Amino acid sequence: MTSTAELSAEAISEIASVVSADAGFVGCRSTVWVQGTWAVLSFRLDKDESDRRRAVGLGAITAPDILQFLLGLPTGKPVALEALTPAERSMLRMVPHGTVLVSAGMVIRQAVPPLGVEMAMVSARSWRKGLERAGRFAPFCSRAMVLRTPPRDLDALRLEAGFYGIGVIVAAGSAEPDVLVAPARFRRNRFTAAGWRFLEEVYRQVR
């Protein structure tokens, strides 16, 4: 794993456990390749949705157009087929089995995001690279980077990382990890198809 060569995935996961607990995050952790980098993600699995998908043979839903269509339907509430546009009716024929229920002239969306990601933690040799890697997760969750040694330009690091809300942890040798900047809590403005696809890609790797 080239992007986590600075620290092992196990070491980053242990650090993520501590930082997640301090931030009030609970759930699971896993190392995944997403957004073009390796990251340790702290996430909460929706067991009901995961079990439902397993029962109907439905895996991750990663097609952007299908996710966009599903977002246009309310969860668990019937929508008349005649209320759909021709394009939506065409899309309805393409959705995987188990995403919707069609009956008596109505369509009901069953699929919901199978998990929620609380934090992404990346490793980097330099804090500027760490900002770039962690920044890829800005639309989706809280973020943090792990460095092996404290940088010389510590004030600049604290200023920029604090501005972007990216946590900074230094893990030097056998010493206890030092949290230089705590990760900011994530606030989602709106849920998009891109955000849903991110969760589905994570689910594809951790289920």
C-alpha atoms as a PDB file:
ATOM      1  CA  MET A   1       0.000   0.000   0.000  1.00  0.00           C
ATOM      2  CA  THR A   2       2.086   2.866  -1.258  1.00  0.00           C
ATOM      3  CA  SER A   3       0.161   5.698   0.340  1.00  0.00           C
ATOM      4  CA  THR A   4       0.308   4.137   3.823  1.00  0.00           C
ATOM      5  CA  ALA A   5       3.983   3.082   3.601  1.00  0.00           C
ATOM      6  CA  GLU A   6       4.802   5.770   6.164  1.00  0.00           C
ATOM      7  CA  LEU A   7       2.940   3.792   8.833  1.00  0.00           C
ATOM      8  CA  SER A   8       1.390   0.337   8.749  1.00  0.00           C
ATOM      9  CA  ALA A   9      -2.359   0.006   8.345  1.00  0.00           C
ATOM     10  CA  GLU A  10      -2.479  -1.630  11.781  1.00  0.00           C
ATOM     11  CA  ALA A  11      -0.719   1.330  13.393  1.00  0.00           C
ATOM     12  CA  ILE A  12      -3.021   3.835  11.717  1.00  0.00           C
ATOM     13  CA  SER A  13      -6.052   1.787  12.749  1.00  0.00           C
ATOM     14  CA  GLU A  14      -4.913   1.849  16.390  1.00  0.00           C
ATOM     15  CA  ILE A  15      -4.454   5.611  16.220  1.00  0.00           C
ATOM     16  CA  ALA A  16      -7.852   5.966  14.546  1.00  0.00           C
ATOM     17  CA  SER A  17      -9.381   4.008  17.413  1.00  0.00           C
ATOM     18  CA  VAL A  18      -8.045   6.485  19.966  1.00  0.00           C
ATOM     19  CA  VAL A  19      -8.910   9.598  17.961  1.00  0.00           C
ATOM     20  CA  SER A  20     -12.374   8.257  17.100  1.00  0.00           C
ATOM     21  CA  ALA A  21     -13.113   7.560  20.753  1.00  0.00           C
ATOM     22  CA  ASP A  22     -11.957  11.037  21.762  1.00  0.00           C
ATOM     23  CA  ALA A  23     -14.210  12.527  19.079  1.00  0.00           C
ATOM     24  CA  GLY A  24     -17.183  10.453  20.206  1.00  0.00           C
ATOM     25  CA  PHE A  25     -17.220   8.217  17.130  1.00  0.00           C
ATOM     26  CA  VAL A  26     -18.248   4.607  17.659  1.00  0.00           C
ATOM     27  CA  GLY A  27     -18.379   1.713  15.251  1.00  0.00           C
ATOM     28  CA  CYS A  28     -16.021  -0.255  13.034  1.00  0.00           C
ATOM     29  CA  ARG A  29     -12.733   0.533  11.320  1.00  0.00           C
ATOM     30  CA  SER A  30     -11.275  -0.772   8.090  1.00  0.00           C
ATOM     31  CA  THR A  31      -8.502   0.104   5.654  1.00  0.00           C
ATOM     32  CA  VAL A  32      -9.905   0.747   2.183  1.00  0.00           C
ATOM     33  CA  TRP A  33      -8.771   2.142  -1.150  1.00  0.00           C
ATOM     34  CA  VAL A  34     -11.107   5.030  -1.896  1.00  0.00           C
ATOM     35  CA  GLN A  35     -10.821   8.513  -3.386  1.00  0.00           C
ATOM     36  CA  GLY A  36      -7.529   7.453  -4.931  1.00  0.00           C
ATOM     37  CA  THR A  37      -5.742   6.678  -1.661  1.00  0.00           C
ATOM     38  CA  TRP A  38      -5.547   4.205   1.178  1.00  0.00           C
ATOM     39  CA  ALA A  39      -7.369   5.366   4.280  1.00  0.00           C
ATOM     40  CA  VAL A  40      -8.499   3.949   7.595  1.00  0.00           C
ATOM     41  CA  LEU A  41     -12.206   4.673   7.872  1.00  0.00           C
ATOM     42  CA  SER A  42     -14.273   4.726  11.033  1.00  0.00           C
ATOM     43  CA  PHE A  43     -17.803   3.764  10.055  1.00  0.00           C
ATOM     44  CA  ARG A  44     -21.173   2.557  11.310  1.00  0.00           C
ATOM     45  CA  LEU A  45     -22.785  -0.336   9.458  1.00  0.00           C
ATOM     46  CA  ASP A  46     -26.566  -0.214   9.021  1.00  0.00           C
ATOM     47  CA  LYS A  47     -27.167  -3.823  10.030  1.00  0.00           C
ATOM     48  CA  ASP A  48     -30.823  -3.814   8.980  1.00  0.00           C
ATOM     49  CA  GLU A  49     -29.979  -2.632   5.471  1.00  0.00           C
ATOM     50  CA  SER A  50     -26.964  -4.926   5.211  1.00  0.00           C
ATOM     51  CA  ASP A  51     -29.049  -7.928   6.285  1.00  0.00           C
ATOM     52  CA  ARG A  52     -31.842  -6.953   3.901  1.00  0.00           C
ATOM     53  CA  ARG A  53     -29.428  -6.710   0.993  1.00  0.00           C
ATOM     54  CA  ARG A  54     -27.858 -10.037   1.836  1.00  0.00           C
ATOM     55  CA  ALA A  55     -31.287 -11.678   1.933  1.00  0.00           C
ATOM     56  CA  VAL A  56     -32.212 -10.435  -1.555  1.00  0.00           C
ATOM     57  CA  GLY A  57     -28.744 -10.864  -3.068  1.00  0.00           C
ATOM     58  CA  LEU A  58     -28.060  -7.148  -3.427  1.00  0.00           C
ATOM     59  CA  GLY A  59     -24.503  -5.876  -3.059  1.00  0.00           C
ATOM     60  CA  ALA A  60     -23.112  -2.375  -3.418  1.00  0.00           C
ATOM     61  CA  ILE A  61     -24.951   0.024  -5.741  1.00  0.00           C
ATOM     62  CA  THR A  62     -22.286   2.068  -7.487  1.00  0.00           C
ATOM     63  CA  ALA A  63     -23.894   3.332 -10.710  1.00  0.00           C
ATOM     64  CA  PRO A  64     -24.227   7.142 -10.341  1.00  0.00           C
ATOM     65  CA  ASP A  65     -27.329   7.400 -12.535  1.00  0.00           C
ATOM     66  CA  ILE A  66     -29.139   4.735 -10.539  1.00  0.00           C
ATOM     67  CA  LEU A  67     -28.232   6.379  -7.234  1.00  0.00           C
ATOM     68  CA  GLN A  68     -29.428   9.732  -8.559  1.00  0.00           C
ATOM     69  CA  PHE A  69     -32.726   8.123  -9.542  1.00  0.00           C
ATOM     70  CA  LEU A  70     -33.120   6.462  -6.144  1.00  0.00           C
ATOM     71  CA  LEU A  71     -32.472   9.754  -4.366  1.00  0.00           C
ATOM     72  CA  GLY A  72     -35.461  11.184  -6.190  1.00  0.00           C
ATOM     73  CA  LEU A  73     -37.746   8.628  -4.537  1.00  0.00           C
ATOM     74  CA  PRO A  74     -38.798   8.841  -0.882  1.00  0.00           C
ATOM     75  CA  THR A  75     -37.745   5.903   1.277  1.00  0.00           C
ATOM     76  CA  GLY A  76     -40.529   3.456   2.040  1.00  0.00           C
ATOM     77  CA  LYS A  77     -43.310   5.589   0.555  1.00  0.00           C
ATOM     78  CA  PRO A  78     -45.276   4.630  -2.578  1.00  0.00           C
ATOM     79  CA  VAL A  79     -44.988   6.781  -5.686  1.00  0.00           C
ATOM     80  CA  ALA A  80     -47.373   6.285  -8.599  1.00  0.00           C
ATOM     81  CA  LEU A  81     -45.627   4.979 -11.702  1.00  0.00           C
ATOM     82  CA  GLU A  82     -47.594   7.450 -13.775  1.00  0.00           C
ATOM     83  CA  ALA A  83     -45.990  10.270 -11.786  1.00  0.00           C
ATOM     84  CA  LEU A  84     -42.553   9.281 -13.091  1.00  0.00           C
ATOM     85  CA  THR A  85     -41.072  10.878 -16.178  1.00  0.00           C
ATOM     86  CA  PRO A  86     -40.336   8.693 -19.220  1.00  0.00           C
ATOM     87  CA  ALA A  87     -36.639   8.834 -18.318  1.00  0.00           C
ATOM     88  CA  GLU A  88     -37.381   7.746 -14.745  1.00  0.00           C
ATOM     89  CA  ARG A  89     -39.566   4.872 -15.935  1.00  0.00           C
ATOM     90  CA  SER A  90     -36.733   3.791 -18.200  1.00  0.00           C
ATOM     91  CA  MET A  91     -34.301   3.969 -15.289  1.00  0.00           C
ATOM     92  CA  LEU A  92     -36.703   1.943 -13.158  1.00  0.00           C
ATOM     93  CA  ARG A  93     -36.191  -0.994 -15.501  1.00  0.00           C
ATOM     94  CA  MET A  94     -32.422  -0.818 -14.911  1.00  0.00           C
ATOM     95  CA  VAL A  95     -32.240  -0.773 -11.116  1.00  0.00           C
ATOM     96  CA  PRO A  96     -30.849  -3.905  -9.424  1.00  0.00           C
ATOM     97  CA  HIS A  97     -33.218  -6.348  -7.786  1.00  0.00           C
ATOM     98  CA  GLY A  98     -33.873  -5.364  -4.201  1.00  0.00           C
ATOM     99  CA  THR A  99     -33.525  -1.607  -4.585  1.00  0.00           C
ATOM    100  CA  VAL A 100     -37.212  -0.889  -5.173  1.00  0.00           C
ATOM    101  CA  LEU A 101     -40.548  -2.665  -4.923  1.00  0.00           C
ATOM    102  CA  VAL A 102     -42.988  -2.235  -7.798  1.00  0.00           C
ATOM    103  CA  SER A 103     -46.577  -3.301  -7.166  1.00  0.00           C
ATOM    104  CA  ALA A 104     -50.102  -2.187  -8.045  1.00  0.00           C
ATOM    105  CA  GLY A 105     -48.924   0.728 -10.153  1.00  0.00           C
ATOM    106  CA  MET A 106     -46.666   2.023  -7.386  1.00  0.00           C
ATOM    107  CA  VAL A 107     -42.921   2.065  -6.770  1.00  0.00           C
ATOM    108  CA  ILE A 108     -41.400   2.084  -3.289  1.00  0.00           C
ATOM    109  CA  ARG A 109     -37.718   2.700  -2.690  1.00  0.00           C
ATOM    110  CA  GLN A 110     -36.272   0.099  -0.345  1.00  0.00           C
ATOM    111  CA  ALA A 111     -32.540   0.792  -0.646  1.00  0.00           C
ATOM    112  CA  VAL A 112     -30.867   3.181   1.766  1.00  0.00           C
ATOM    113  CA  PRO A 113     -27.151   3.830   2.364  1.00  0.00           C
ATOM    114  CA  PRO A 114     -25.740   0.657   3.969  1.00  0.00           C
ATOM    115  CA  LEU A 115     -23.349   2.467   6.274  1.00  0.00           C
ATOM    116  CA  GLY A 116     -22.190   5.871   7.455  1.00  0.00           C
ATOM    117  CA  VAL A 117     -18.558   6.968   7.512  1.00  0.00           C
ATOM    118  CA  GLU A 118     -17.555   9.119  10.474  1.00  0.00           C
ATOM    119  CA  MET A 119     -13.849   9.730   9.852  1.00  0.00           C
ATOM    120  CA  ALA A 120     -11.133   9.078   7.271  1.00  0.00           C
ATOM    121  CA  MET A 121      -7.511   8.918   8.438  1.00  0.00           C
ATOM    122  CA  VAL A 122      -4.624   9.003   5.972  1.00  0.00           C
ATOM    123  CA  SER A 123      -0.865   8.691   6.347  1.00  0.00           C
ATOM    124  CA  ALA A 124       1.617  11.020   4.676  1.00  0.00           C
ATOM    125  CA  ARG A 125       5.319  11.851   4.693  1.00  0.00           C
ATOM    126  CA  SER A 126       4.620  15.590   4.616  1.00  0.00           C
ATOM    127  CA  TRP A 127       1.764  17.564   6.088  1.00  0.00           C
ATOM    128  CA  ARG A 128       1.038  19.311   2.804  1.00  0.00           C
ATOM    129  CA  LYS A 129       0.560  15.938   1.127  1.00  0.00           C
ATOM    130  CA  GLY A 130      -1.535  14.905   4.093  1.00  0.00           C
ATOM    131  CA  LEU A 131      -3.773  17.951   3.637  1.00  0.00           C
ATOM    132  CA  GLU A 132      -4.282  17.040  -0.012  1.00  0.00           C
ATOM    133  CA  ARG A 133      -5.082  13.392   0.704  1.00  0.00           C
ATOM    134  CA  ALA A 134      -7.355  14.094   3.640  1.00  0.00           C
ATOM    135  CA  GLY A 135      -9.005  16.892   1.680  1.00  0.00           C
ATOM    136  CA  ARG A 136     -10.389  14.359  -0.779  1.00  0.00           C
ATOM    137  CA  PHE A 137     -12.836  13.289   1.932  1.00  0.00           C
ATOM    138  CA  ALA A 138     -14.131  16.800   2.663  1.00  0.00           C
ATOM    139  CA  PRO A 139     -17.633  16.186   1.216  1.00  0.00           C
ATOM    140  CA  PHE A 140     -18.096  12.946   3.143  1.00  0.00           C
ATOM    141  CA  CYS A 141     -16.763  12.818   6.717  1.00  0.00           C
ATOM    142  CA  SER A 142     -14.341  14.123   9.339  1.00  0.00           C
ATOM    143  CA  ARG A 143     -10.681  13.866   8.332  1.00  0.00           C
ATOM    144  CA  ALA A 144      -7.270  13.420   9.894  1.00  0.00           C
ATOM    145  CA  MET A 145      -3.676  12.764   8.838  1.00  0.00           C
ATOM    146  CA  VAL A 146      -0.912  10.851  10.576  1.00  0.00           C
ATOM    147  CA  LEU A 147       2.729  11.979  10.368  1.00  0.00           C
ATOM    148  CA  ARG A 148       5.806  10.134  11.593  1.00  0.00           C
ATOM    149  CA  THR A 149       7.604  13.235  12.848  1.00  0.00           C
ATOM    150  CA  PRO A 150       6.482  16.752  13.791  1.00  0.00           C
ATOM    151  CA  PRO A 151       7.261  19.219  10.992  1.00  0.00           C
ATOM    152  CA  ARG A 152       9.517  22.218  11.435  1.00  0.00           C
ATOM    153  CA  ASP A 153       6.846  24.647  10.241  1.00  0.00           C
ATOM    154  CA  LEU A 154       4.474  23.634  13.014  1.00  0.00           C
ATOM    155  CA  ASP A 155       2.659  26.965  13.200  1.00  0.00           C
ATOM    156  CA  ALA A 156       1.840  26.881   9.480  1.00  0.00           C
ATOM    157  CA  LEU A 157       0.596  23.312   9.813  1.00  0.00           C
ATOM    158  CA  ARG A 158      -1.679  24.168  12.728  1.00  0.00           C
ATOM    159  CA  LEU A 159      -3.034  27.202  10.897  1.00  0.00           C
ATOM    160  CA  GLU A 160      -3.860  25.405   7.648  1.00  0.00           C
ATOM    161  CA  ALA A 161      -5.073  22.156   9.183  1.00  0.00           C
ATOM    162  CA  GLY A 162      -7.251  24.079  11.624  1.00  0.00           C
ATOM    163  CA  PHE A 163      -8.682  26.176   8.803  1.00  0.00           C
ATOM    164  CA  TYR A 164      -9.722  23.074   6.853  1.00  0.00           C
ATOM    165  CA  GLY A 165     -10.792  21.128   9.931  1.00  0.00           C
ATOM    166  CA  ILE A 166      -8.281  18.335   9.308  1.00  0.00           C
ATOM    167  CA  GLY A 167      -6.888  16.575  12.349  1.00  0.00           C
ATOM    168  CA  VAL A 168      -3.132  16.099  12.682  1.00  0.00           C
ATOM    169  CA  ILE A 169      -1.569  13.276  14.685  1.00  0.00           C
ATOM    170  CA  VAL A 170       2.163  12.652  15.064  1.00  0.00           C
ATOM    171  CA  ALA A 171       3.145   9.030  15.738  1.00  0.00           C
ATOM    172  CA  ALA A 172       6.887   8.993  16.376  1.00  0.00           C
ATOM    173  CA  GLY A 173       8.337   5.554  17.070  1.00  0.00           C
ATOM    174  CA  SER A 174       7.001   3.900  20.211  1.00  0.00           C
ATOM    175  CA  ALA A 175       5.808   7.158  21.755  1.00  0.00           C
ATOM    176  CA  GLU A 176       2.131   7.792  22.343  1.00  0.00           C
ATOM    177  CA  PRO A 177       0.463   9.518  19.368  1.00  0.00           C
ATOM    178  CA  ASP A 178       0.384  13.285  19.807  1.00  0.00           C
ATOM    179  CA  VAL A 179      -2.750  15.048  18.566  1.00  0.00           C
ATOM    180  CA  LEU A 180      -1.543  18.413  17.289  1.00  0.00           C
ATOM    181  CA  VAL A 181      -4.901  19.391  15.777  1.00  0.00           C
ATOM    182  CA  ALA A 182      -8.191  17.675  16.606  1.00  0.00           C
ATOM    183  CA  PRO A 183     -10.373  16.783  13.602  1.00  0.00           C
ATOM    184  CA  ALA A 184     -13.428  18.984  13.164  1.00  0.00           C
ATOM    185  CA  ARG A 185     -16.824  17.330  13.357  1.00  0.00           C
ATOM    186  CA  PHE A 186     -18.336  16.813   9.917  1.00  0.00           C
ATOM    187  CA  ARG A 187     -21.474  18.718   8.942  1.00  0.00           C
ATOM    188  CA  ARG A 188     -23.244  17.628   5.770  1.00  0.00           C
ATOM    189  CA  ASN A 189     -25.087  20.358   3.905  1.00  0.00           C
ATOM    190  CA  ARG A 190     -27.008  17.956   1.695  1.00  0.00           C
ATOM    191  CA  PHE A 191     -26.884  14.305   0.706  1.00  0.00           C
ATOM    192  CA  THR A 192     -25.951  13.784  -2.947  1.00  0.00           C
ATOM    193  CA  ALA A 193     -25.583  10.861  -5.322  1.00  0.00           C
ATOM    194  CA  ALA A 194     -21.801  11.325  -5.084  1.00  0.00           C
ATOM    195  CA  GLY A 195     -22.004  11.049  -1.309  1.00  0.00           C
ATOM    196  CA  TRP A 196     -24.130   7.922  -1.557  1.00  0.00           C
ATOM    197  CA  ARG A 197     -21.735   6.403  -4.098  1.00  0.00           C
ATOM    198  CA  PHE A 198     -18.835   7.006  -1.697  1.00  0.00           C
ATOM    199  CA  LEU A 199     -20.660   5.019   0.983  1.00  0.00           C
ATOM    200  CA  GLU A 200     -21.464   2.230  -1.467  1.00  0.00           C
ATOM    201  CA  GLU A 201     -17.820   1.961  -2.544  1.00  0.00           C
ATOM    202  CA  VAL A 202     -16.785   1.641   1.089  1.00  0.00           C
ATOM    203  CA  TYR A 203     -19.505  -0.964   1.638  1.00  0.00           C
ATOM    204  CA  ARG A 204     -18.283  -2.937  -1.375  1.00  0.00           C
ATOM    205  CA  GLN A 205     -14.911  -3.339   0.318  1.00  0.00           C
ATOM    206  CA  VAL A 206     -15.933  -3.921   3.937  1.00  0.00           C
ATOM    207  CA  ARG A 207     -19.015  -6.139   3.676  1.00  0.00           C
END
